[in-house]
Amino acid sequence: MAEKKGNEMVRLCVVLFLITLISATLLGFINSVTAPQIKLNKEKTRGEAMAMLIPDSEFELVEEEVVSDTGAPTLRNVYKAVKDGETVGYCMEAFPSGFGGELTVVVGVLADGTIAGAQVTSMAETPGLGAKSQSDWINQYAGMAADGSLAVTKDGGSVVPITGATITSRAVTLGINTAASYAASLE
């Protein structure tokens, strides 16, 4: 009886191992097939956001990744916006941490020292609350000073936070401040 129970246990372990192996192999294959398309979709979304923030410009890659040792969000894909041979600003992706995880915020900073605007292109915030960061709420940043000192009203600043989503509002503001500070260092 004990031997039969032991054989049954080994059989179950082998079956479980095979199911796990097949599942992992399939997931790996699906990932390898879909990864290039996901990358293209992200590039297209970033390009559309940049074209909206600083229209009628050509974008030249300046830096692929900027990692801060001060705890500021990572910046990726820093582009110089050029119009008629002159640098008119910069666009880049910032990756601050919000309530639901990391956000991707494309930020435009104009050469005159103002924020051109921002777009949240990826996030996992609470639907109906933090997800509002992808609404017209974000338009309030356009025209604000790109001096890295923006803050939500609860922190003494002028940025009106999303009701019920102050953490997300602070995260977006931090991403914009980080991008603005970096853009200023490029001038």
N, C-alpha and C. Protein backbone atom coordinates (compact mmCIF):
# COMPACT_ATOMS: atom_id res chain seq x y z
N MET A 1 0.82 -1.19 0.00
CA MET A 1 0.00 0.00 0.00
C MET A 1 0.86 1.25 0.00
N ALA A 2 1.91 1.28 0.86
CA ALA A 2 2.78 2.45 0.94
C ALA A 2 3.56 2.63 -0.36
N GLU A 3 3.94 1.49 -0.98
CA GLU A 3 4.66 1.57 -2.24
C GLU A 3 3.77 2.13 -3.35
N LYS A 4 2.50 1.74 -3.36
CA LYS A 4 1.55 2.24 -4.35
C LYS A 4 1.36 3.75 -4.18
N LYS A 5 1.29 4.20 -2.91
CA LYS A 5 1.12 5.61 -2.63
C LYS A 5 2.36 6.39 -3.08
N GLY A 6 3.54 5.82 -2.88
CA GLY A 6 4.80 6.45 -3.29
C GLY A 6 4.88 6.57 -4.80
N ASN A 7 4.48 5.50 -5.53
CA ASN A 7 4.48 5.54 -6.99
C ASN A 7 3.50 6.59 -7.51
N GLU A 8 2.35 6.69 -6.88
CA GLU A 8 1.34 7.68 -7.27
C GLU A 8 1.91 9.10 -7.09
N MET A 9 2.63 9.30 -5.99
CA MET A 9 3.22 10.61 -5.70
C MET A 9 4.27 10.96 -6.77
N VAL A 10 5.10 10.01 -7.14
CA VAL A 10 6.12 10.24 -8.17
C VAL A 10 5.45 10.57 -9.50
N ARG A 11 4.41 9.82 -9.83
CA ARG A 11 3.68 10.06 -11.08
C ARG A 11 3.09 11.46 -11.10
N LEU A 12 2.50 11.89 -9.98
CA LEU A 12 1.92 13.24 -9.90
C LEU A 12 2.99 14.31 -10.04
N CYS A 13 4.14 14.07 -9.43
CA CYS A 13 5.25 15.04 -9.53
C CYS A 13 5.74 15.15 -10.97
N VAL A 14 5.85 14.01 -11.66
CA VAL A 14 6.30 14.01 -13.05
C VAL A 14 5.28 14.74 -13.93
N VAL A 15 4.01 14.48 -13.73
CA VAL A 15 2.95 15.14 -14.50
C VAL A 15 2.99 16.65 -14.25
N LEU A 16 3.12 17.04 -12.99
CA LEU A 16 3.18 18.46 -12.66
C LEU A 16 4.41 19.11 -13.30
N PHE A 17 5.55 18.43 -13.26
CA PHE A 17 6.77 18.94 -13.89
C PHE A 17 6.56 19.14 -15.39
N LEU A 18 5.95 18.14 -16.06
CA LEU A 18 5.72 18.23 -17.50
C LEU A 18 4.77 19.38 -17.85
N ILE A 19 3.72 19.54 -17.06
CA ILE A 19 2.78 20.65 -17.30
C ILE A 19 3.50 21.99 -17.14
N THR A 20 4.31 22.11 -16.11
CA THR A 20 5.06 23.34 -15.87
C THR A 20 6.05 23.60 -17.00
N LEU A 21 6.76 22.57 -17.44
CA LEU A 21 7.72 22.70 -18.52
C LEU A 21 7.05 23.15 -19.81
N ILE A 22 5.94 22.52 -20.15
CA ILE A 22 5.21 22.87 -21.38
C ILE A 22 4.68 24.31 -21.29
N SER A 23 4.13 24.67 -20.15
CA SER A 23 3.59 26.03 -19.96
C SER A 23 4.70 27.07 -20.08
N ALA A 24 5.82 26.84 -19.43
CA ALA A 24 6.94 27.79 -19.49
C ALA A 24 7.48 27.92 -20.90
N THR A 25 7.57 26.80 -21.60
CA THR A 25 8.05 26.82 -22.99
C THR A 25 7.10 27.61 -23.88
N LEU A 26 5.81 27.38 -23.72
CA LEU A 26 4.82 28.12 -24.51
C LEU A 26 4.86 29.61 -24.20
N LEU A 27 4.95 29.97 -22.93
CA LEU A 27 5.03 31.38 -22.56
C LEU A 27 6.28 32.04 -23.13
N GLY A 28 7.40 31.34 -23.07
CA GLY A 28 8.64 31.86 -23.65
C GLY A 28 8.52 32.07 -25.15
N PHE A 29 7.90 31.11 -25.83
CA PHE A 29 7.71 31.22 -27.28
C PHE A 29 6.79 32.39 -27.62
N ILE A 30 5.67 32.50 -26.91
CA ILE A 30 4.73 33.60 -27.16
C ILE A 30 5.41 34.94 -26.90
N ASN A 31 6.20 35.03 -25.84
CA ASN A 31 6.91 36.27 -25.55
C ASN A 31 7.88 36.63 -26.67
N SER A 32 8.61 35.63 -27.19
CA SER A 32 9.58 35.92 -28.25
C SER A 32 8.89 36.35 -29.54
N VAL A 33 7.68 35.87 -29.77
CA VAL A 33 6.92 36.24 -30.97
C VAL A 33 6.31 37.64 -30.82
N THR A 34 5.80 37.97 -29.63
CA THR A 34 5.10 39.24 -29.44
C THR A 34 6.01 40.40 -29.04
N ALA A 35 7.20 40.12 -28.50
CA ALA A 35 8.09 41.19 -28.01
C ALA A 35 8.42 42.24 -29.07
N PRO A 36 8.75 41.87 -30.30
CA PRO A 36 9.05 42.91 -31.30
C PRO A 36 7.85 43.82 -31.58
N GLN A 37 6.66 43.26 -31.63
CA GLN A 37 5.48 44.08 -31.89
C GLN A 37 5.18 45.00 -30.70
N ILE A 38 5.37 44.50 -29.49
CA ILE A 38 5.17 45.33 -28.30
C ILE A 38 6.14 46.50 -28.32
N LYS A 39 7.39 46.23 -28.68
CA LYS A 39 8.41 47.30 -28.77
C LYS A 39 8.00 48.33 -29.82
N LEU A 40 7.55 47.88 -30.98
CA LEU A 40 7.10 48.81 -32.03
C LEU A 40 5.92 49.65 -31.57
N ASN A 41 4.98 49.04 -30.86
CA ASN A 41 3.82 49.78 -30.35
C ASN A 41 4.24 50.86 -29.36
N LYS A 42 5.19 50.53 -28.48
CA LYS A 42 5.68 51.52 -27.51
C LYS A 42 6.39 52.67 -28.22
N GLU A 43 7.18 52.35 -29.23
CA GLU A 43 7.88 53.40 -30.00
C GLU A 43 6.88 54.29 -30.71
N LYS A 44 5.84 53.68 -31.29
CA LYS A 44 4.82 54.46 -31.99
C LYS A 44 4.08 55.37 -31.02
N THR A 45 3.71 54.85 -29.84
CA THR A 45 3.01 55.65 -28.84
C THR A 45 3.88 56.81 -28.38
N ARG A 46 5.17 56.54 -28.13
CA ARG A 46 6.10 57.59 -27.72
C ARG A 46 6.23 58.64 -28.82
N GLY A 47 6.38 58.21 -30.06
CA GLY A 47 6.52 59.13 -31.19
C GLY A 47 5.29 60.02 -31.36
N GLU A 48 4.11 59.43 -31.21
CA GLU A 48 2.87 60.21 -31.33
C GLU A 48 2.76 61.24 -30.20
N ALA A 49 3.15 60.84 -28.99
CA ALA A 49 3.10 61.77 -27.86
C ALA A 49 4.08 62.92 -28.08
N MET A 50 5.29 62.61 -28.53
CA MET A 50 6.28 63.66 -28.76
C MET A 50 5.82 64.62 -29.85
N ALA A 51 5.24 64.09 -30.93
CA ALA A 51 4.75 64.93 -32.02
C ALA A 51 3.61 65.83 -31.55
N MET A 52 2.82 65.37 -30.61
CA MET A 52 1.74 66.18 -30.08
C MET A 52 2.28 67.27 -29.14
N LEU A 53 3.30 66.93 -28.34
CA LEU A 53 3.84 67.87 -27.36
C LEU A 53 4.64 68.99 -28.02
N ILE A 54 5.48 68.65 -28.97
CA ILE A 54 6.26 69.65 -29.70
C ILE A 54 6.05 69.39 -31.19
N PRO A 55 4.94 69.91 -31.73
CA PRO A 55 4.58 69.62 -33.12
C PRO A 55 5.55 70.24 -34.14
N ASP A 56 5.51 69.69 -35.33
CA ASP A 56 6.29 70.19 -36.47
C ASP A 56 7.79 70.20 -36.20
N SER A 57 8.26 69.23 -35.44
CA SER A 57 9.69 69.13 -35.12
C SER A 57 10.23 67.79 -35.57
N GLU A 58 11.51 67.77 -35.77
CA GLU A 58 12.21 66.51 -36.00
C GLU A 58 12.89 66.15 -34.69
N PHE A 59 12.94 64.87 -34.38
CA PHE A 59 13.48 64.44 -33.10
C PHE A 59 14.76 63.64 -33.31
N GLU A 60 15.79 64.05 -32.58
CA GLU A 60 17.09 63.39 -32.65
C GLU A 60 17.41 62.80 -31.27
N LEU A 61 17.73 61.51 -31.24
CA LEU A 61 18.05 60.85 -29.97
C LEU A 61 19.32 61.44 -29.37
N VAL A 62 19.23 61.84 -28.10
CA VAL A 62 20.36 62.41 -27.37
C VAL A 62 20.94 61.38 -26.40
N GLU A 63 20.06 60.70 -25.69
CA GLU A 63 20.49 59.77 -24.64
C GLU A 63 19.45 58.65 -24.55
N GLU A 64 19.91 57.40 -24.45
CA GLU A 64 18.97 56.28 -24.33
C GLU A 64 18.45 56.11 -22.91
N GLU A 65 19.32 56.33 -21.91
CA GLU A 65 18.88 56.14 -20.53
C GLU A 65 19.70 57.02 -19.59
N VAL A 66 19.00 57.65 -18.65
CA VAL A 66 19.64 58.48 -17.63
C VAL A 66 19.16 57.96 -16.29
N VAL A 67 20.07 57.40 -15.52
CA VAL A 67 19.73 56.86 -14.20
C VAL A 67 20.33 57.79 -13.15
N SER A 68 19.49 58.22 -12.23
CA SER A 68 19.93 59.13 -11.18
C SER A 68 20.34 58.34 -9.95
N ASP A 69 21.36 58.82 -9.26
CA ASP A 69 21.75 58.20 -8.01
C ASP A 69 21.09 58.89 -6.82
N THR A 70 20.19 59.84 -7.11
CA THR A 70 19.51 60.58 -6.05
C THR A 70 18.11 60.04 -5.77
N GLY A 71 17.72 59.00 -6.46
CA GLY A 71 16.39 58.43 -6.26
C GLY A 71 15.35 59.02 -7.19
N ALA A 72 15.76 59.93 -8.07
CA ALA A 72 14.83 60.49 -9.05
C ALA A 72 14.46 59.40 -10.06
N PRO A 73 13.29 59.54 -10.69
CA PRO A 73 12.89 58.53 -11.67
C PRO A 73 13.90 58.42 -12.83
N THR A 74 14.00 57.24 -13.37
CA THR A 74 14.84 57.02 -14.53
C THR A 74 14.24 57.74 -15.73
N LEU A 75 15.09 58.28 -16.57
CA LEU A 75 14.66 58.88 -17.84
C LEU A 75 15.18 58.00 -18.96
N ARG A 76 14.36 57.82 -19.98
CA ARG A 76 14.79 57.04 -21.15
C ARG A 76 14.37 57.78 -22.41
N ASN A 77 15.06 57.46 -23.48
CA ASN A 77 14.72 57.98 -24.80
C ASN A 77 14.61 59.50 -24.78
N VAL A 78 15.73 60.15 -24.48
CA VAL A 78 15.79 61.61 -24.46
C VAL A 78 16.04 62.08 -25.89
N TYR A 79 15.11 62.88 -26.42
CA TYR A 79 15.20 63.38 -27.78
C TYR A 79 15.29 64.90 -27.79
N LYS A 80 16.08 65.42 -28.70
CA LYS A 80 16.15 66.86 -28.95
C LYS A 80 15.14 67.15 -30.05
N ALA A 81 14.29 68.16 -29.84
CA ALA A 81 13.32 68.58 -30.86
C ALA A 81 13.94 69.71 -31.66
N VAL A 82 14.05 69.50 -32.97
CA VAL A 82 14.69 70.48 -33.85
C VAL A 82 13.68 70.97 -34.87
N LYS A 83 13.62 72.30 -35.02
CA LYS A 83 12.71 72.91 -35.99
C LYS A 83 13.50 73.98 -36.75
N ASP A 84 13.55 73.87 -38.06
CA ASP A 84 14.29 74.80 -38.90
C ASP A 84 15.76 74.93 -38.45
N GLY A 85 16.36 73.81 -38.08
CA GLY A 85 17.76 73.78 -37.69
C GLY A 85 18.06 74.25 -36.27
N GLU A 86 17.05 74.65 -35.54
CA GLU A 86 17.24 75.12 -34.16
C GLU A 86 16.62 74.16 -33.17
N THR A 87 17.28 74.02 -32.02
CA THR A 87 16.73 73.21 -30.94
C THR A 87 15.60 73.99 -30.29
N VAL A 88 14.40 73.42 -30.32
CA VAL A 88 13.24 74.10 -29.73
C VAL A 88 12.82 73.47 -28.40
N GLY A 89 13.42 72.34 -28.08
CA GLY A 89 13.09 71.69 -26.81
C GLY A 89 13.56 70.26 -26.77
N TYR A 90 13.06 69.54 -25.76
CA TYR A 90 13.43 68.15 -25.56
C TYR A 90 12.18 67.36 -25.17
N CYS A 91 12.15 66.11 -25.57
CA CYS A 91 11.11 65.18 -25.14
C CYS A 91 11.81 63.94 -24.59
N MET A 92 11.21 63.39 -23.53
CA MET A 92 11.80 62.19 -22.93
C MET A 92 10.74 61.45 -22.13
N GLU A 93 11.04 60.21 -21.83
CA GLU A 93 10.16 59.40 -21.00
C GLU A 93 10.70 59.38 -19.57
N ALA A 94 9.81 59.63 -18.61
CA ALA A 94 10.15 59.51 -17.20
C ALA A 94 9.36 58.34 -16.63
N PHE A 95 9.92 57.67 -15.63
CA PHE A 95 9.31 56.47 -15.07
C PHE A 95 9.14 56.58 -13.55
N PRO A 96 8.27 57.48 -13.09
CA PRO A 96 8.05 57.59 -11.64
C PRO A 96 7.15 56.46 -11.13
N SER A 97 7.19 56.22 -9.83
CA SER A 97 6.34 55.20 -9.21
C SER A 97 5.07 55.85 -8.69
N GLY A 98 3.93 55.34 -9.15
CA GLY A 98 2.64 55.82 -8.69
C GLY A 98 2.05 54.86 -7.68
N PHE A 99 0.77 54.98 -7.45
CA PHE A 99 0.08 54.13 -6.48
C PHE A 99 0.06 52.67 -6.95
N GLY A 100 -0.19 52.44 -8.24
CA GLY A 100 -0.33 51.09 -8.77
C GLY A 100 0.94 50.54 -9.39
N GLY A 101 2.04 51.28 -9.31
CA GLY A 101 3.28 50.82 -9.92
C GLY A 101 3.89 51.92 -10.78
N GLU A 102 4.79 51.52 -11.64
CA GLU A 102 5.52 52.48 -12.47
C GLU A 102 4.63 53.06 -13.56
N LEU A 103 4.76 54.38 -13.76
CA LEU A 103 4.08 55.08 -14.85
C LEU A 103 5.10 55.41 -15.92
N THR A 104 4.67 55.53 -17.16
CA THR A 104 5.51 56.05 -18.22
C THR A 104 4.92 57.39 -18.61
N VAL A 105 5.70 58.46 -18.42
CA VAL A 105 5.24 59.81 -18.71
C VAL A 105 6.17 60.41 -19.76
N VAL A 106 5.63 60.74 -20.93
CA VAL A 106 6.41 61.43 -21.95
C VAL A 106 6.27 62.91 -21.66
N VAL A 107 7.41 63.58 -21.49
CA VAL A 107 7.44 64.99 -21.10
C VAL A 107 8.11 65.80 -22.19
N GLY A 108 7.49 66.94 -22.54
CA GLY A 108 8.08 67.88 -23.48
C GLY A 108 8.50 69.13 -22.73
N VAL A 109 9.75 69.54 -22.93
CA VAL A 109 10.28 70.75 -22.29
C VAL A 109 10.77 71.67 -23.40
N LEU A 110 10.27 72.89 -23.42
CA LEU A 110 10.65 73.83 -24.46
C LEU A 110 11.94 74.56 -24.08
N ALA A 111 12.66 75.02 -25.11
CA ALA A 111 13.93 75.72 -24.90
C ALA A 111 13.73 77.03 -24.14
N ASP A 112 12.51 77.58 -24.13
CA ASP A 112 12.27 78.83 -23.41
C ASP A 112 12.08 78.62 -21.91
N GLY A 113 12.24 77.38 -21.44
CA GLY A 113 12.16 77.11 -20.01
C GLY A 113 10.76 76.81 -19.50
N THR A 114 9.87 76.40 -20.39
CA THR A 114 8.51 76.03 -19.97
C THR A 114 8.23 74.58 -20.36
N ILE A 115 7.23 74.02 -19.71
CA ILE A 115 6.79 72.67 -20.03
C ILE A 115 5.89 72.75 -21.26
N ALA A 116 6.22 71.98 -22.29
CA ALA A 116 5.37 71.92 -23.48
C ALA A 116 4.11 71.13 -23.17
N GLY A 117 4.25 70.14 -22.29
CA GLY A 117 3.14 69.28 -21.91
C GLY A 117 3.66 67.93 -21.53
N ALA A 118 2.74 67.04 -21.22
CA ALA A 118 3.10 65.68 -20.83
C ALA A 118 1.96 64.74 -21.21
N GLN A 119 2.30 63.49 -21.38
CA GLN A 119 1.32 62.44 -21.68
C GLN A 119 1.70 61.19 -20.90
N VAL A 120 0.74 60.62 -20.18
CA VAL A 120 0.96 59.34 -19.54
C VAL A 120 0.64 58.28 -20.59
N THR A 121 1.66 57.52 -20.98
CA THR A 121 1.46 56.54 -22.05
C THR A 121 1.31 55.11 -21.54
N SER A 122 1.66 54.90 -20.25
CA SER A 122 1.51 53.57 -19.67
C SER A 122 1.41 53.70 -18.16
N MET A 123 0.46 52.96 -17.58
CA MET A 123 0.29 52.98 -16.13
C MET A 123 -0.61 51.85 -15.71
N ALA A 124 -0.60 51.58 -14.40
CA ALA A 124 -1.47 50.55 -13.83
C ALA A 124 -2.19 51.14 -12.62
N GLU A 125 -2.64 52.37 -12.74
CA GLU A 125 -3.29 53.05 -11.63
C GLU A 125 -4.75 52.61 -11.51
N THR A 126 -5.38 52.97 -10.41
CA THR A 126 -6.75 52.59 -10.12
C THR A 126 -7.70 53.18 -11.15
N PRO A 127 -8.52 52.35 -11.83
CA PRO A 127 -9.49 52.89 -12.78
C PRO A 127 -10.43 53.87 -12.07
N GLY A 128 -10.67 55.00 -12.72
CA GLY A 128 -11.58 55.99 -12.16
C GLY A 128 -10.90 56.97 -11.22
N LEU A 129 -9.69 56.66 -10.77
CA LEU A 129 -8.96 57.58 -9.89
C LEU A 129 -7.63 57.93 -10.56
N GLY A 130 -6.58 57.19 -10.25
CA GLY A 130 -5.26 57.48 -10.82
C GLY A 130 -5.24 57.37 -12.33
N ALA A 131 -6.13 56.58 -12.89
CA ALA A 131 -6.20 56.44 -14.35
C ALA A 131 -6.59 57.76 -15.01
N LYS A 132 -7.12 58.70 -14.23
CA LYS A 132 -7.48 60.00 -14.78
C LYS A 132 -6.25 60.80 -15.19
N SER A 133 -5.06 60.30 -14.84
CA SER A 133 -3.83 60.97 -15.26
C SER A 133 -3.70 60.93 -16.78
N GLN A 134 -4.47 60.09 -17.44
CA GLN A 134 -4.46 60.03 -18.89
C GLN A 134 -5.57 60.89 -19.50
N SER A 135 -6.20 61.73 -18.69
CA SER A 135 -7.29 62.58 -19.16
C SER A 135 -6.79 64.01 -19.37
N ASP A 136 -7.72 64.93 -19.54
CA ASP A 136 -7.38 66.34 -19.72
C ASP A 136 -6.69 66.93 -18.49
N TRP A 137 -6.75 66.27 -17.36
CA TRP A 137 -6.10 66.75 -16.14
C TRP A 137 -4.65 67.12 -16.38
N ILE A 138 -3.96 66.34 -17.18
CA ILE A 138 -2.52 66.52 -17.38
C ILE A 138 -2.19 67.77 -18.18
N ASN A 139 -3.18 68.34 -18.86
CA ASN A 139 -2.94 69.54 -19.67
C ASN A 139 -2.53 70.74 -18.84
N GLN A 140 -2.80 70.73 -17.54
CA GLN A 140 -2.47 71.89 -16.70
C GLN A 140 -0.97 72.15 -16.62
N TYR A 141 -0.14 71.17 -16.93
CA TYR A 141 1.31 71.35 -16.85
C TYR A 141 1.85 72.22 -17.99
N ALA A 142 1.17 72.23 -19.12
CA ALA A 142 1.64 73.00 -20.28
C ALA A 142 1.75 74.48 -19.91
N GLY A 143 2.91 75.04 -20.20
CA GLY A 143 3.16 76.45 -19.93
C GLY A 143 3.75 76.73 -18.56
N MET A 144 3.78 75.73 -17.69
CA MET A 144 4.38 75.94 -16.37
C MET A 144 5.90 75.98 -16.48
N ALA A 145 6.53 76.60 -15.51
CA ALA A 145 7.99 76.73 -15.51
C ALA A 145 8.65 75.36 -15.42
N ALA A 146 9.65 75.16 -16.26
CA ALA A 146 10.39 73.90 -16.29
C ALA A 146 11.65 74.03 -15.43
N ASP A 147 11.43 74.41 -14.18
CA ASP A 147 12.57 74.62 -13.28
C ASP A 147 12.73 73.50 -12.25
N GLY A 148 11.92 72.46 -12.37
CA GLY A 148 12.03 71.31 -11.47
C GLY A 148 11.41 71.53 -10.11
N SER A 149 10.60 72.57 -9.96
CA SER A 149 10.04 72.86 -8.64
C SER A 149 8.52 72.73 -8.58
N LEU A 150 7.92 72.08 -9.54
CA LEU A 150 6.47 71.91 -9.53
C LEU A 150 6.06 71.03 -8.36
N ALA A 151 4.89 71.32 -7.79
CA ALA A 151 4.36 70.52 -6.67
C ALA A 151 2.85 70.60 -6.70
N VAL A 152 2.20 69.58 -6.15
CA VAL A 152 0.75 69.60 -6.06
C VAL A 152 0.34 70.58 -4.95
N THR A 153 -0.90 71.04 -4.99
CA THR A 153 -1.37 72.05 -4.03
C THR A 153 -1.24 71.56 -2.59
N LYS A 154 -1.43 70.27 -2.35
CA LYS A 154 -1.30 69.73 -0.99
C LYS A 154 0.12 69.86 -0.46
N ASP A 155 1.08 70.05 -1.37
CA ASP A 155 2.48 70.21 -0.98
C ASP A 155 2.94 71.66 -1.16
N GLY A 156 1.98 72.57 -1.31
CA GLY A 156 2.30 73.99 -1.44
C GLY A 156 2.55 74.48 -2.85
N GLY A 157 2.26 73.64 -3.84
CA GLY A 157 2.48 74.02 -5.23
C GLY A 157 1.22 74.49 -5.92
N SER A 158 1.29 74.57 -7.23
CA SER A 158 0.16 75.06 -8.01
C SER A 158 -0.52 73.98 -8.85
N VAL A 159 0.00 72.75 -8.81
CA VAL A 159 -0.60 71.65 -9.58
C VAL A 159 -1.79 71.10 -8.81
N VAL A 160 -2.97 71.17 -9.41
CA VAL A 160 -4.18 70.65 -8.78
C VAL A 160 -4.18 69.14 -8.95
N PRO A 161 -4.14 68.37 -7.85
CA PRO A 161 -4.07 66.91 -7.98
C PRO A 161 -5.41 66.32 -8.40
N ILE A 162 -5.35 65.11 -8.88
CA ILE A 162 -6.56 64.36 -9.21
C ILE A 162 -7.24 64.03 -7.88
N THR A 163 -8.52 64.31 -7.78
CA THR A 163 -9.25 64.02 -6.55
C THR A 163 -9.18 62.53 -6.24
N GLY A 164 -8.69 62.21 -5.06
CA GLY A 164 -8.59 60.82 -4.63
C GLY A 164 -7.37 60.10 -5.16
N ALA A 165 -6.51 60.81 -5.87
CA ALA A 165 -5.32 60.16 -6.45
C ALA A 165 -4.10 61.07 -6.31
N THR A 166 -3.87 61.53 -5.11
CA THR A 166 -2.75 62.43 -4.86
C THR A 166 -1.41 61.74 -5.13
N ILE A 167 -1.31 60.46 -4.82
CA ILE A 167 -0.05 59.74 -5.04
C ILE A 167 0.29 59.73 -6.54
N THR A 168 -0.69 59.47 -7.37
CA THR A 168 -0.48 59.48 -8.82
C THR A 168 -0.12 60.88 -9.28
N SER A 169 -0.81 61.89 -8.76
CA SER A 169 -0.53 63.28 -9.14
C SER A 169 0.90 63.66 -8.77
N ARG A 170 1.32 63.25 -7.59
CA ARG A 170 2.70 63.53 -7.15
C ARG A 170 3.70 62.80 -8.04
N ALA A 171 3.38 61.58 -8.43
CA ALA A 171 4.29 60.79 -9.28
C ALA A 171 4.45 61.46 -10.65
N VAL A 172 3.35 61.88 -11.25
CA VAL A 172 3.42 62.55 -12.55
C VAL A 172 4.24 63.83 -12.41
N THR A 173 3.98 64.59 -11.35
CA THR A 173 4.72 65.84 -11.12
C THR A 173 6.20 65.56 -10.94
N LEU A 174 6.55 64.52 -10.20
CA LEU A 174 7.95 64.15 -10.01
C LEU A 174 8.60 63.80 -11.35
N GLY A 175 7.90 63.04 -12.18
CA GLY A 175 8.44 62.69 -13.50
C GLY A 175 8.68 63.93 -14.34
N ILE A 176 7.74 64.87 -14.31
CA ILE A 176 7.89 66.10 -15.08
C ILE A 176 9.05 66.93 -14.53
N ASN A 177 9.16 67.04 -13.21
CA ASN A 177 10.27 67.78 -12.60
C ASN A 177 11.62 67.17 -12.97
N THR A 178 11.71 65.85 -12.94
CA THR A 178 12.96 65.17 -13.29
C THR A 178 13.34 65.45 -14.73
N ALA A 179 12.36 65.36 -15.63
CA ALA A 179 12.61 65.63 -17.05
C ALA A 179 13.03 67.09 -17.26
N ALA A 180 12.33 68.02 -16.57
CA ALA A 180 12.64 69.45 -16.72
C ALA A 180 14.05 69.75 -16.23
N SER A 181 14.43 69.18 -15.10
CA SER A 181 15.78 69.40 -14.56
C SER A 181 16.84 68.86 -15.51
N TYR A 182 16.58 67.69 -16.08
CA TYR A 182 17.55 67.12 -17.00
C TYR A 182 17.65 67.95 -18.28
N ALA A 183 16.51 68.40 -18.81
CA ALA A 183 16.50 69.23 -20.01
C ALA A 183 17.30 70.51 -19.77
N ALA A 184 17.17 71.09 -18.59
CA ALA A 184 17.90 72.32 -18.25
C ALA A 184 19.41 72.06 -18.26
N SER A 185 19.80 70.85 -17.86
CA SER A 185 21.24 70.53 -17.83
C SER A 185 21.81 70.33 -19.25
N LEU A 186 20.95 70.15 -20.23
CA LEU A 186 21.38 69.95 -21.60
C LEU A 186 21.65 71.26 -22.33
N GLU A 187 21.11 72.33 -21.82
CA GLU A 187 21.23 73.64 -22.47
C GLU A 187 22.59 74.23 -22.28
